[in-house]
Amino acid sequence: MNPPTALASAQQALLDTLFALPASPMAHEASARLASLIDHRHAQSARGLLAYRANGHALAERALQAAYPVVCAVLGVESFAMLARALWHRHPPQRGDIARWGDALPAFVQDDPQLAGLPWLADVARVEWALHRAAAADDARVDPASFALLQAPDPAGLTLRLVPRLLVVQSHWPVASIVNAHLGGTPTLDEAWRRCREPVNEIALVWRAGLRPRVAAIDAPAAALLRLLLAGADLPRALDGAGEVANTTGTAFDLTAWLHNAVADGVVLGAAQRSPPMPRPGDPR
């Protein structure tokens, strides 16, 4: 491997200086290394470094505001800007597409002692990141003819084809209500905060319907069914899991009604044969 060029070394030192947490040992080390590679006697060098740092912070704020509008609304613009800058230094981008940066925010919020008074905020952030990812999901269409597979006498190996980037978020808080109240006005903010004070547990389903990312609260059996399908289980196994949860929670689950609504909402796109069914004893080979 060829040794790094002076330009490459300077570029890496600049990145380390920009991303290091200000006043940290890493920041001092990076700044010293950068100073040894460029001439800091010129005021232009110092101004350039300040401009790069300011631009990086502004980029971080814009990127996170686009992905987390509800978290921004809850914290306020100034506090959210400070959070964005902190995340920029703690978890700097690892790829060129800034729209893909920010996935570390939910855990960052959860571990921040200053936000301990908002225990539901991390789960709200998880829902918002799922919405952000769903917005970039591949286009997908319903295949009505494929549902004929569900009439097979032996459903082993059958599965349901789900919309890309669907995600189920389990929470002890009314996260779907909070997000929808901020983004769509239904329920009202007052109602969402009332549910938060009680508190009301919600399982949030996030998916893209047409061109619009959506979030809705779903019940525990439906969540179990979707999780098992996402994990690769066939439909009979997923239904068994949903049935067990229904019995445990005392929640009724009607597959026909659920499937009708799931297709209408763009959650389920069709049926498919997941894999050839395992041969049964005595079946001809």
C-alpha atoms as a PDB file:
ATOM      1  CA  MET A   1       0.000   0.000   0.000  1.00  0.00           C
ATOM      2  CA  ASN A   2       1.365   3.412  -0.957  1.00  0.00           C
ATOM      3  CA  PRO A   3       1.958   5.906   1.897  1.00  0.00           C
ATOM      4  CA  PRO A   4      -0.654   8.674   2.134  1.00  0.00           C
ATOM      5  CA  THR A   5       0.118  11.832   0.221  1.00  0.00           C
ATOM      6  CA  ALA A   6       0.487  15.173   1.986  1.00  0.00           C
ATOM      7  CA  LEU A   7      -2.895  16.233   0.566  1.00  0.00           C
ATOM      8  CA  ALA A   8      -4.625  13.066   1.794  1.00  0.00           C
ATOM      9  CA  SER A   9      -3.079  13.471   5.238  1.00  0.00           C
ATOM     10  CA  ALA A  10      -4.217  17.089   5.414  1.00  0.00           C
ATOM     11  CA  GLN A  11      -7.734  16.140   4.293  1.00  0.00           C
ATOM     12  CA  GLN A  12      -7.983  13.424   6.956  1.00  0.00           C
ATOM     13  CA  ALA A  13      -6.660  15.775   9.633  1.00  0.00           C
ATOM     14  CA  LEU A  14      -9.234  18.371   8.585  1.00  0.00           C
ATOM     15  CA  LEU A  15     -12.066  15.828   8.828  1.00  0.00           C
ATOM     16  CA  ASP A  16     -10.843  14.669  12.242  1.00  0.00           C
ATOM     17  CA  THR A  17     -10.733  18.285  13.419  1.00  0.00           C
ATOM     18  CA  LEU A  18     -14.236  19.050  12.153  1.00  0.00           C
ATOM     19  CA  PHE A  19     -15.851  15.927  13.579  1.00  0.00           C
ATOM     20  CA  ALA A  20     -14.039  15.721  16.925  1.00  0.00           C
ATOM     21  CA  LEU A  21     -16.011  16.898  19.942  1.00  0.00           C
ATOM     22  CA  PRO A  22     -14.857  20.463  20.682  1.00  0.00           C
ATOM     23  CA  ALA A  23     -12.387  20.781  23.579  1.00  0.00           C
ATOM     24  CA  SER A  24     -11.984  16.995  23.792  1.00  0.00           C
ATOM     25  CA  PRO A  25      -8.520  15.331  23.773  1.00  0.00           C
ATOM     26  CA  MET A  26      -9.304  14.015  20.306  1.00  0.00           C
ATOM     27  CA  ALA A  27     -10.064  17.540  19.113  1.00  0.00           C
ATOM     28  CA  HIS A  28      -6.772  18.881  20.504  1.00  0.00           C
ATOM     29  CA  GLU A  29      -4.840  16.021  18.915  1.00  0.00           C
ATOM     30  CA  ALA A  30      -6.554  16.504  15.540  1.00  0.00           C
ATOM     31  CA  SER A  31      -5.990  20.274  15.632  1.00  0.00           C
ATOM     32  CA  ALA A  32      -2.310  19.816  16.436  1.00  0.00           C
ATOM     33  CA  ARG A  33      -1.917  17.346  13.584  1.00  0.00           C
ATOM     34  CA  LEU A  34      -3.702  19.704  11.194  1.00  0.00           C
ATOM     35  CA  ALA A  35      -1.500  22.612  12.346  1.00  0.00           C
ATOM     36  CA  SER A  36       1.583  20.591  11.521  1.00  0.00           C
ATOM     37  CA  LEU A  37       0.353  20.040   7.975  1.00  0.00           C
ATOM     38  CA  ILE A  38      -0.923  23.510   7.043  1.00  0.00           C
ATOM     39  CA  ASP A  39       0.290  26.996   7.735  1.00  0.00           C
ATOM     40  CA  HIS A  40      -1.903  28.441  10.470  1.00  0.00           C
ATOM     41  CA  ARG A  41       0.007  31.720  10.443  1.00  0.00           C
ATOM     42  CA  HIS A  42      -2.262  32.941   7.683  1.00  0.00           C
ATOM     43  CA  ALA A  43      -5.611  34.288   8.856  1.00  0.00           C
ATOM     44  CA  GLN A  44      -7.236  32.736   5.812  1.00  0.00           C
ATOM     45  CA  SER A  45      -6.474  29.243   7.131  1.00  0.00           C
ATOM     46  CA  ALA A  46      -8.141  29.951  10.466  1.00  0.00           C
ATOM     47  CA  ARG A  47     -11.163  31.558   8.804  1.00  0.00           C
ATOM     48  CA  GLY A  48     -11.467  28.604   6.455  1.00  0.00           C
ATOM     49  CA  LEU A  49     -11.471  26.135   9.331  1.00  0.00           C
ATOM     50  CA  LEU A  50     -14.170  28.116  11.149  1.00  0.00           C
ATOM     51  CA  ALA A  51     -16.248  28.255   7.963  1.00  0.00           C
ATOM     52  CA  TYR A  52     -15.952  24.484   7.440  1.00  0.00           C
ATOM     53  CA  ARG A  53     -17.032  23.852  11.035  1.00  0.00           C
ATOM     54  CA  ALA A  54     -19.996  26.244  10.767  1.00  0.00           C
ATOM     55  CA  ASN A  55     -21.080  24.695   7.473  1.00  0.00           C
ATOM     56  CA  GLY A  56     -20.858  21.211   8.988  1.00  0.00           C
ATOM     57  CA  HIS A  57     -23.046  22.229  11.910  1.00  0.00           C
ATOM     58  CA  ALA A  58     -25.592  23.877   9.597  1.00  0.00           C
ATOM     59  CA  LEU A  59     -25.662  20.757   7.413  1.00  0.00           C
ATOM     60  CA  ALA A  60     -26.228  18.567  10.469  1.00  0.00           C
ATOM     61  CA  GLU A  61     -29.097  20.748  11.657  1.00  0.00           C
ATOM     62  CA  ARG A  62     -30.835  20.758   8.263  1.00  0.00           C
ATOM     63  CA  ALA A  63     -30.426  17.023   7.769  1.00  0.00           C
ATOM     64  CA  LEU A  64     -31.824  16.153  11.201  1.00  0.00           C
ATOM     65  CA  GLN A  65     -34.683  18.651  10.965  1.00  0.00           C
ATOM     66  CA  ALA A  66     -35.752  16.942   7.726  1.00  0.00           C
ATOM     67  CA  ALA A  67     -35.689  13.500   9.339  1.00  0.00           C
ATOM     68  CA  TYR A  68     -36.970  14.437  12.824  1.00  0.00           C
ATOM     69  CA  PRO A  69     -39.494  17.298  12.556  1.00  0.00           C
ATOM     70  CA  VAL A  70     -41.453  16.136  15.613  1.00  0.00           C
ATOM     71  CA  VAL A  71     -38.386  15.889  17.850  1.00  0.00           C
ATOM     72  CA  CYS A  72     -37.422  19.370  16.639  1.00  0.00           C
ATOM     73  CA  ALA A  73     -40.901  20.713  17.427  1.00  0.00           C
ATOM     74  CA  VAL A  74     -40.830  19.196  20.927  1.00  0.00           C
ATOM     75  CA  LEU A  75     -37.362  20.497  21.827  1.00  0.00           C
ATOM     76  CA  GLY A  76     -37.512  23.818  20.003  1.00  0.00           C
ATOM     77  CA  VAL A  77     -35.200  24.938  17.206  1.00  0.00           C
ATOM     78  CA  GLU A  78     -32.316  26.126  19.411  1.00  0.00           C
ATOM     79  CA  SER A  79     -32.185  23.024  21.610  1.00  0.00           C
ATOM     80  CA  PHE A  80     -32.558  20.785  18.574  1.00  0.00           C
ATOM     81  CA  ALA A  81     -29.660  22.590  16.866  1.00  0.00           C
ATOM     82  CA  MET A  82     -27.465  21.873  19.889  1.00  0.00           C
ATOM     83  CA  LEU A  83     -28.549  18.214  19.772  1.00  0.00           C
ATOM     84  CA  ALA A  84     -27.739  18.027  16.051  1.00  0.00           C
ATOM     85  CA  ARG A  85     -24.266  19.478  16.587  1.00  0.00           C
ATOM     86  CA  ALA A  86     -23.595  17.062  19.443  1.00  0.00           C
ATOM     87  CA  LEU A  87     -24.650  14.092  17.305  1.00  0.00           C
ATOM     88  CA  TRP A  88     -22.482  15.395  14.439  1.00  0.00           C
ATOM     89  CA  HIS A  89     -19.417  15.118  16.675  1.00  0.00           C
ATOM     90  CA  ARG A  90     -20.351  11.932  18.532  1.00  0.00           C
ATOM     91  CA  HIS A  91     -21.578  10.023  15.465  1.00  0.00           C
ATOM     92  CA  PRO A  92     -20.186  11.749  12.355  1.00  0.00           C
ATOM     93  CA  PRO A  93     -21.379  10.714   8.881  1.00  0.00           C
ATOM     94  CA  GLN A  94     -19.759   7.574   7.499  1.00  0.00           C
ATOM     95  CA  ARG A  95     -20.939   7.982   3.904  1.00  0.00           C
ATOM     96  CA  GLY A  96     -21.391  10.775   1.411  1.00  0.00           C
ATOM     97  CA  ASP A  97     -25.205  10.838   1.380  1.00  0.00           C
ATOM     98  CA  ILE A  98     -26.116  13.101   4.298  1.00  0.00           C
ATOM     99  CA  ALA A  99     -29.769  12.013   4.016  1.00  0.00           C
ATOM    100  CA  ARG A 100     -28.683   8.606   5.329  1.00  0.00           C
ATOM    101  CA  TRP A 101     -27.071  10.112   8.437  1.00  0.00           C
ATOM    102  CA  GLY A 102     -28.965  10.412  11.699  1.00  0.00           C
ATOM    103  CA  ASP A 103     -29.928   6.840  12.561  1.00  0.00           C
ATOM    104  CA  ALA A 104     -27.999   7.134  15.852  1.00  0.00           C
ATOM    105  CA  LEU A 105     -30.253   9.892  17.195  1.00  0.00           C
ATOM    106  CA  PRO A 106     -32.865   7.682  18.976  1.00  0.00           C
ATOM    107  CA  ALA A 107     -30.234   5.930  21.106  1.00  0.00           C
ATOM    108  CA  PHE A 108     -28.424   9.254  21.598  1.00  0.00           C
ATOM    109  CA  VAL A 109     -31.637  10.819  22.917  1.00  0.00           C
ATOM    110  CA  GLN A 110     -32.331   7.837  25.164  1.00  0.00           C
ATOM    111  CA  ASP A 111     -28.872   8.063  26.768  1.00  0.00           C
ATOM    112  CA  ASP A 112     -28.924  11.846  27.241  1.00  0.00           C
ATOM    113  CA  PRO A 113     -29.557  12.595  30.959  1.00  0.00           C
ATOM    114  CA  GLN A 114     -30.775  16.090  30.065  1.00  0.00           C
ATOM    115  CA  LEU A 115     -33.710  14.509  28.209  1.00  0.00           C
ATOM    116  CA  ALA A 116     -34.673  12.074  30.968  1.00  0.00           C
ATOM    117  CA  GLY A 117     -37.810  14.129  31.597  1.00  0.00           C
ATOM    118  CA  LEU A 118     -39.056  13.180  28.126  1.00  0.00           C
ATOM    119  CA  PRO A 119     -38.874   9.367  28.356  1.00  0.00           C
ATOM    120  CA  TRP A 120     -41.028   8.893  25.255  1.00  0.00           C
ATOM    121  CA  LEU A 121     -38.851  11.052  22.982  1.00  0.00           C
ATOM    122  CA  ALA A 122     -36.449   8.277  21.982  1.00  0.00           C
ATOM    123  CA  ASP A 123     -39.319   6.117  20.728  1.00  0.00           C
ATOM    124  CA  VAL A 124     -40.778   9.082  18.852  1.00  0.00           C
ATOM    125  CA  ALA A 125     -37.370   9.464  17.210  1.00  0.00           C
ATOM    126  CA  ARG A 126     -37.387   5.765  16.273  1.00  0.00           C
ATOM    127  CA  VAL A 127     -40.741   6.203  14.565  1.00  0.00           C
ATOM    128  CA  GLU A 128     -39.514   9.312  12.754  1.00  0.00           C
ATOM    129  CA  TRP A 129     -36.378   7.579  11.473  1.00  0.00           C
ATOM    130  CA  ALA A 130     -38.558   4.713  10.241  1.00  0.00           C
ATOM    131  CA  LEU A 131     -40.730   7.271   8.401  1.00  0.00           C
ATOM    132  CA  HIS A 132     -37.593   8.848   6.940  1.00  0.00           C
ATOM    133  CA  ARG A 133     -36.421   5.458   5.657  1.00  0.00           C
ATOM    134  CA  ALA A 134     -39.875   4.561   4.348  1.00  0.00           C
ATOM    135  CA  ALA A 135     -39.928   7.737   2.260  1.00  0.00           C
ATOM    136  CA  ALA A 136     -36.977   6.360   0.280  1.00  0.00           C
ATOM    137  CA  ALA A 137     -38.449   2.868  -0.146  1.00  0.00           C
ATOM    138  CA  ASP A 138     -38.629   1.335  -3.604  1.00  0.00           C
ATOM    139  CA  ASP A 139     -41.909   1.688  -5.449  1.00  0.00           C
ATOM    140  CA  ALA A 140     -44.110  -1.384  -5.098  1.00  0.00           C
ATOM    141  CA  ARG A 141     -47.471  -2.439  -6.494  1.00  0.00           C
ATOM    142  CA  VAL A 142     -50.211  -4.733  -5.304  1.00  0.00           C
ATOM    143  CA  ASP A 143     -50.476  -8.055  -7.155  1.00  0.00           C
ATOM    144  CA  PRO A 144     -54.190  -8.941  -6.800  1.00  0.00           C
ATOM    145  CA  ALA A 145     -53.897 -12.226  -8.708  1.00  0.00           C
ATOM    146  CA  SER A 146     -51.359 -13.585  -6.231  1.00  0.00           C
ATOM    147  CA  PHE A 147     -53.958 -13.720  -3.440  1.00  0.00           C
ATOM    148  CA  ALA A 148     -55.417 -16.794  -5.164  1.00  0.00           C
ATOM    149  CA  LEU A 149     -52.527 -18.698  -3.556  1.00  0.00           C
ATOM    150  CA  LEU A 150     -54.249 -18.276  -0.201  1.00  0.00           C
ATOM    151  CA  GLN A 151     -56.981 -20.672  -1.348  1.00  0.00           C
ATOM    152  CA  ALA A 152     -54.500 -23.568  -1.498  1.00  0.00           C
ATOM    153  CA  PRO A 153     -55.563 -26.543   0.651  1.00  0.00           C
ATOM    154  CA  ASP A 154     -52.113 -26.648   2.258  1.00  0.00           C
ATOM    155  CA  PRO A 155     -50.829 -23.160   3.137  1.00  0.00           C
ATOM    156  CA  ALA A 156     -47.399 -24.387   4.288  1.00  0.00           C
ATOM    157  CA  GLY A 157     -44.687 -22.204   2.799  1.00  0.00           C
ATOM    158  CA  LEU A 158     -47.060 -19.426   1.828  1.00  0.00           C
ATOM    159  CA  THR A 159     -46.300 -15.891   2.951  1.00  0.00           C
ATOM    160  CA  LEU A 160     -47.582 -12.369   2.480  1.00  0.00           C
ATOM    161  CA  ARG A 161     -45.539  -9.881   0.476  1.00  0.00           C
ATOM    162  CA  LEU A 162     -45.170  -6.730   2.549  1.00  0.00           C
ATOM    163  CA  VAL A 163     -44.417  -3.214   1.389  1.00  0.00           C
ATOM    164  CA  PRO A 164     -40.646  -2.452   1.442  1.00  0.00           C
ATOM    165  CA  ARG A 165     -39.137  -0.881   4.579  1.00  0.00           C
ATOM    166  CA  LEU A 166     -42.145  -1.613   6.745  1.00  0.00           C
ATOM    167  CA  LEU A 167     -41.235  -1.450  10.432  1.00  0.00           C
ATOM    168  CA  VAL A 168     -42.998  -2.250  13.706  1.00  0.00           C
ATOM    169  CA  VAL A 169     -41.991  -0.065  16.684  1.00  0.00           C
ATOM    170  CA  GLN A 170     -43.017  -1.304  20.140  1.00  0.00           C
ATOM    171  CA  SER A 171     -43.330   1.398  22.791  1.00  0.00           C
ATOM    172  CA  HIS A 172     -44.634   1.974  26.302  1.00  0.00           C
ATOM    173  CA  TRP A 173     -45.801   5.389  25.085  1.00  0.00           C
ATOM    174  CA  PRO A 174     -48.401   6.629  22.561  1.00  0.00           C
ATOM    175  CA  VAL A 175     -45.753   7.264  19.904  1.00  0.00           C
ATOM    176  CA  ALA A 176     -48.039   6.918  16.883  1.00  0.00           C
ATOM    177  CA  SER A 177     -50.451   9.422  18.438  1.00  0.00           C
ATOM    178  CA  ILE A 178     -47.676  11.921  19.198  1.00  0.00           C
ATOM    179  CA  VAL A 179     -46.197  11.751  15.692  1.00  0.00           C
ATOM    180  CA  ASN A 180     -49.559  11.929  13.926  1.00  0.00           C
ATOM    181  CA  ALA A 181     -50.703  14.799  16.132  1.00  0.00           C
ATOM    182  CA  HIS A 182     -47.672  16.855  15.102  1.00  0.00           C
ATOM    183  CA  LEU A 183     -47.597  15.886  11.446  1.00  0.00           C
ATOM    184  CA  GLY A 184     -51.276  15.559  10.606  1.00  0.00           C
ATOM    185  CA  GLY A 185     -53.334  16.997  13.447  1.00  0.00           C
ATOM    186  CA  THR A 186     -55.130  13.716  14.202  1.00  0.00           C
ATOM    187  CA  PRO A 187     -55.413  13.151  17.091  1.00  0.00           C
ATOM    188  CA  THR A 188     -55.084  16.647  18.505  1.00  0.00           C
ATOM    189  CA  LEU A 189     -51.962  17.547  20.461  1.00  0.00           C
ATOM    190  CA  ASP A 190     -54.043  17.794  23.635  1.00  0.00           C
ATOM    191  CA  GLU A 191     -55.329  14.265  23.122  1.00  0.00           C
ATOM    192  CA  ALA A 192     -51.831  12.949  22.368  1.00  0.00           C
ATOM    193  CA  TRP A 193     -50.430  14.489  25.567  1.00  0.00           C
ATOM    194  CA  ARG A 194     -53.369  13.135  27.558  1.00  0.00           C
ATOM    195  CA  ARG A 195     -52.525   9.632  26.317  1.00  0.00           C
ATOM    196  CA  CYS A 196     -48.905  10.312  27.219  1.00  0.00           C
ATOM    197  CA  ARG A 197     -49.782  11.247  30.796  1.00  0.00           C
ATOM    198  CA  GLU A 198     -51.848   8.104  31.403  1.00  0.00           C
ATOM    199  CA  PRO A 199     -49.651   6.587  29.730  1.00  0.00           C
ATOM    200  CA  VAL A 200     -51.041   4.562  26.814  1.00  0.00           C
ATOM    201  CA  ASN A 201     -48.891   1.860  25.230  1.00  0.00           C
ATOM    202  CA  GLU A 202     -48.857   1.892  21.420  1.00  0.00           C
ATOM    203  CA  ILE A 203     -47.293  -0.330  18.796  1.00  0.00           C
ATOM    204  CA  ALA A 204     -46.523   1.830  15.785  1.00  0.00           C
ATOM    205  CA  LEU A 205     -46.596   0.485  12.248  1.00  0.00           C
ATOM    206  CA  VAL A 206     -44.562   2.528   9.768  1.00  0.00           C
ATOM    207  CA  TRP A 207     -44.810   2.053   6.012  1.00  0.00           C
ATOM    208  CA  ARG A 208     -45.087   3.932   2.740  1.00  0.00           C
ATOM    209  CA  ALA A 209     -48.501   4.055   1.089  1.00  0.00           C
ATOM    210  CA  GLY A 210     -48.154   5.373  -2.446  1.00  0.00           C
ATOM    211  CA  LEU A 211     -45.773   8.313  -2.118  1.00  0.00           C
ATOM    212  CA  ARG A 212     -46.572   9.086   1.516  1.00  0.00           C
ATOM    213  CA  PRO A 213     -44.901   7.556   4.579  1.00  0.00           C
ATOM    214  CA  ARG A 214     -47.482   6.696   7.208  1.00  0.00           C
ATOM    215  CA  VAL A 215     -47.645   5.644  10.840  1.00  0.00           C
ATOM    216  CA  ALA A 216     -50.552   4.003  12.628  1.00  0.00           C
ATOM    217  CA  ALA A 217     -51.117   2.266  15.950  1.00  0.00           C
ATOM    218  CA  ILE A 218     -51.792  -1.479  15.597  1.00  0.00           C
ATOM    219  CA  ASP A 219     -52.769  -4.155  18.093  1.00  0.00           C
ATOM    220  CA  ALA A 220     -50.459  -6.791  19.529  1.00  0.00           C
ATOM    221  CA  PRO A 221     -51.641  -9.780  17.414  1.00  0.00           C
ATOM    222  CA  ALA A 222     -51.189  -7.830  14.164  1.00  0.00           C
ATOM    223  CA  ALA A 223     -47.745  -6.726  15.328  1.00  0.00           C
ATOM    224  CA  ALA A 224     -46.795 -10.330  16.096  1.00  0.00           C
ATOM    225  CA  LEU A 225     -48.014 -11.479  12.685  1.00  0.00           C
ATOM    226  CA  LEU A 226     -45.993  -8.803  10.876  1.00  0.00           C
ATOM    227  CA  ARG A 227     -42.848  -9.356  12.920  1.00  0.00           C
ATOM    228  CA  LEU A 228     -42.904 -13.075  12.195  1.00  0.00           C
ATOM    229  CA  LEU A 229     -43.468 -12.501   8.477  1.00  0.00           C
ATOM    230  CA  LEU A 230     -40.598 -10.000   8.427  1.00  0.00           C
ATOM    231  CA  ALA A 231     -38.414 -12.571  10.189  1.00  0.00           C
ATOM    232  CA  GLY A 232     -39.097 -15.101   7.419  1.00  0.00           C
ATOM    233  CA  ALA A 233     -41.837 -17.235   8.959  1.00  0.00           C
ATOM    234  CA  ASP A 234     -44.462 -18.642   6.628  1.00  0.00           C
ATOM    235  CA  LEU A 235     -48.087 -17.608   7.019  1.00  0.00           C
ATOM    236  CA  PRO A 236     -49.238 -20.585   9.161  1.00  0.00           C
ATOM    237  CA  ARG A 237     -46.422 -20.009  11.672  1.00  0.00           C
ATOM    238  CA  ALA A 238     -47.086 -16.267  11.705  1.00  0.00           C
ATOM    239  CA  LEU A 239     -50.792 -16.874  12.333  1.00  0.00           C
ATOM    240  CA  ASP A 240     -49.964 -19.255  15.180  1.00  0.00           C
ATOM    241  CA  GLY A 241     -47.834 -16.529  16.731  1.00  0.00           C
ATOM    242  CA  ALA A 242     -50.580 -13.949  16.322  1.00  0.00           C
ATOM    243  CA  GLY A 243     -53.077 -16.355  17.857  1.00  0.00           C
ATOM    244  CA  GLU A 244     -50.874 -16.944  20.891  1.00  0.00           C
ATOM    245  CA  VAL A 245     -50.537 -13.198  21.457  1.00  0.00           C
ATOM    246  CA  ALA A 246     -54.289 -12.756  21.016  1.00  0.00           C
ATOM    247  CA  ASN A 247     -54.963 -15.375  23.669  1.00  0.00           C
ATOM    248  CA  THR A 248     -52.401 -13.864  26.030  1.00  0.00           C
ATOM    249  CA  THR A 249     -53.629 -10.301  25.681  1.00  0.00           C
ATOM    250  CA  GLY A 250     -57.324 -11.069  25.283  1.00  0.00           C
ATOM    251  CA  THR A 251     -57.348  -9.252  21.960  1.00  0.00           C
ATOM    252  CA  ALA A 252     -59.517 -10.631  19.163  1.00  0.00           C
ATOM    253  CA  PHE A 253     -57.829 -11.118  15.805  1.00  0.00           C
ATOM    254  CA  ASP A 254     -59.769 -11.591  12.573  1.00  0.00           C
ATOM    255  CA  LEU A 255     -57.377 -12.450   9.736  1.00  0.00           C
ATOM    256  CA  THR A 256     -59.922 -11.747   6.980  1.00  0.00           C
ATOM    257  CA  ALA A 257     -60.740  -8.263   8.290  1.00  0.00           C
ATOM    258  CA  TRP A 258     -57.082  -7.488   8.997  1.00  0.00           C
ATOM    259  CA  LEU A 259     -55.982  -8.624   5.540  1.00  0.00           C
ATOM    260  CA  HIS A 260     -58.689  -6.567   3.825  1.00  0.00           C
ATOM    261  CA  ASN A 261     -57.551  -3.420   5.645  1.00  0.00           C
ATOM    262  CA  ALA A 262     -53.854  -4.206   5.180  1.00  0.00           C
ATOM    263  CA  VAL A 263     -54.279  -4.517   1.405  1.00  0.00           C
ATOM    264  CA  ALA A 264     -56.409  -1.354   1.230  1.00  0.00           C
ATOM    265  CA  ASP A 265     -53.741   0.555   3.201  1.00  0.00           C
ATOM    266  CA  GLY A 266     -50.887  -0.718   1.043  1.00  0.00           C
ATOM    267  CA  VAL A 267     -49.258  -2.751   3.814  1.00  0.00           C
ATOM    268  CA  VAL A 268     -49.723  -6.130   2.099  1.00  0.00           C
ATOM    269  CA  LEU A 269     -48.972  -6.297  -1.624  1.00  0.00           C
ATOM    270  CA  GLY A 270     -49.741  -9.916  -2.370  1.00  0.00           C
ATOM    271  CA  ALA A 271     -49.181 -13.564  -1.483  1.00  0.00           C
ATOM    272  CA  ALA A 272     -46.184 -15.661  -2.441  1.00  0.00           C
ATOM    273  CA  GLN A 273     -44.675 -19.095  -2.012  1.00  0.00           C
ATOM    274  CA  ARG A 274     -41.828 -18.505   0.411  1.00  0.00           C
ATOM    275  CA  SER A 275     -40.154 -21.835  -0.260  1.00  0.00           C
ATOM    276  CA  PRO A 276     -41.123 -25.329  -1.397  1.00  0.00           C
ATOM    277  CA  PRO A 277     -43.087 -27.022   1.403  1.00  0.00           C
ATOM    278  CA  MET A 278     -41.169 -29.696   3.306  1.00  0.00           C
ATOM    279  CA  PRO A 279     -42.153 -33.193   2.089  1.00  0.00           C
ATOM    280  CA  ARG A 280     -44.358 -35.130   4.459  1.00  0.00           C
ATOM    281  CA  PRO A 281     -43.706 -38.754   5.400  1.00  0.00           C
ATOM    282  CA  GLY A 282     -45.127 -41.052   2.745  1.00  0.00           C
ATOM    283  CA  ASP A 283     -45.267 -38.372   0.005  1.00  0.00           C
ATOM    284  CA  PRO A 284     -43.978 -39.633  -3.351  1.00  0.00           C
ATOM    285  CA  ARG A 285     -40.498 -38.361  -4.205  1.00  0.00           C
END
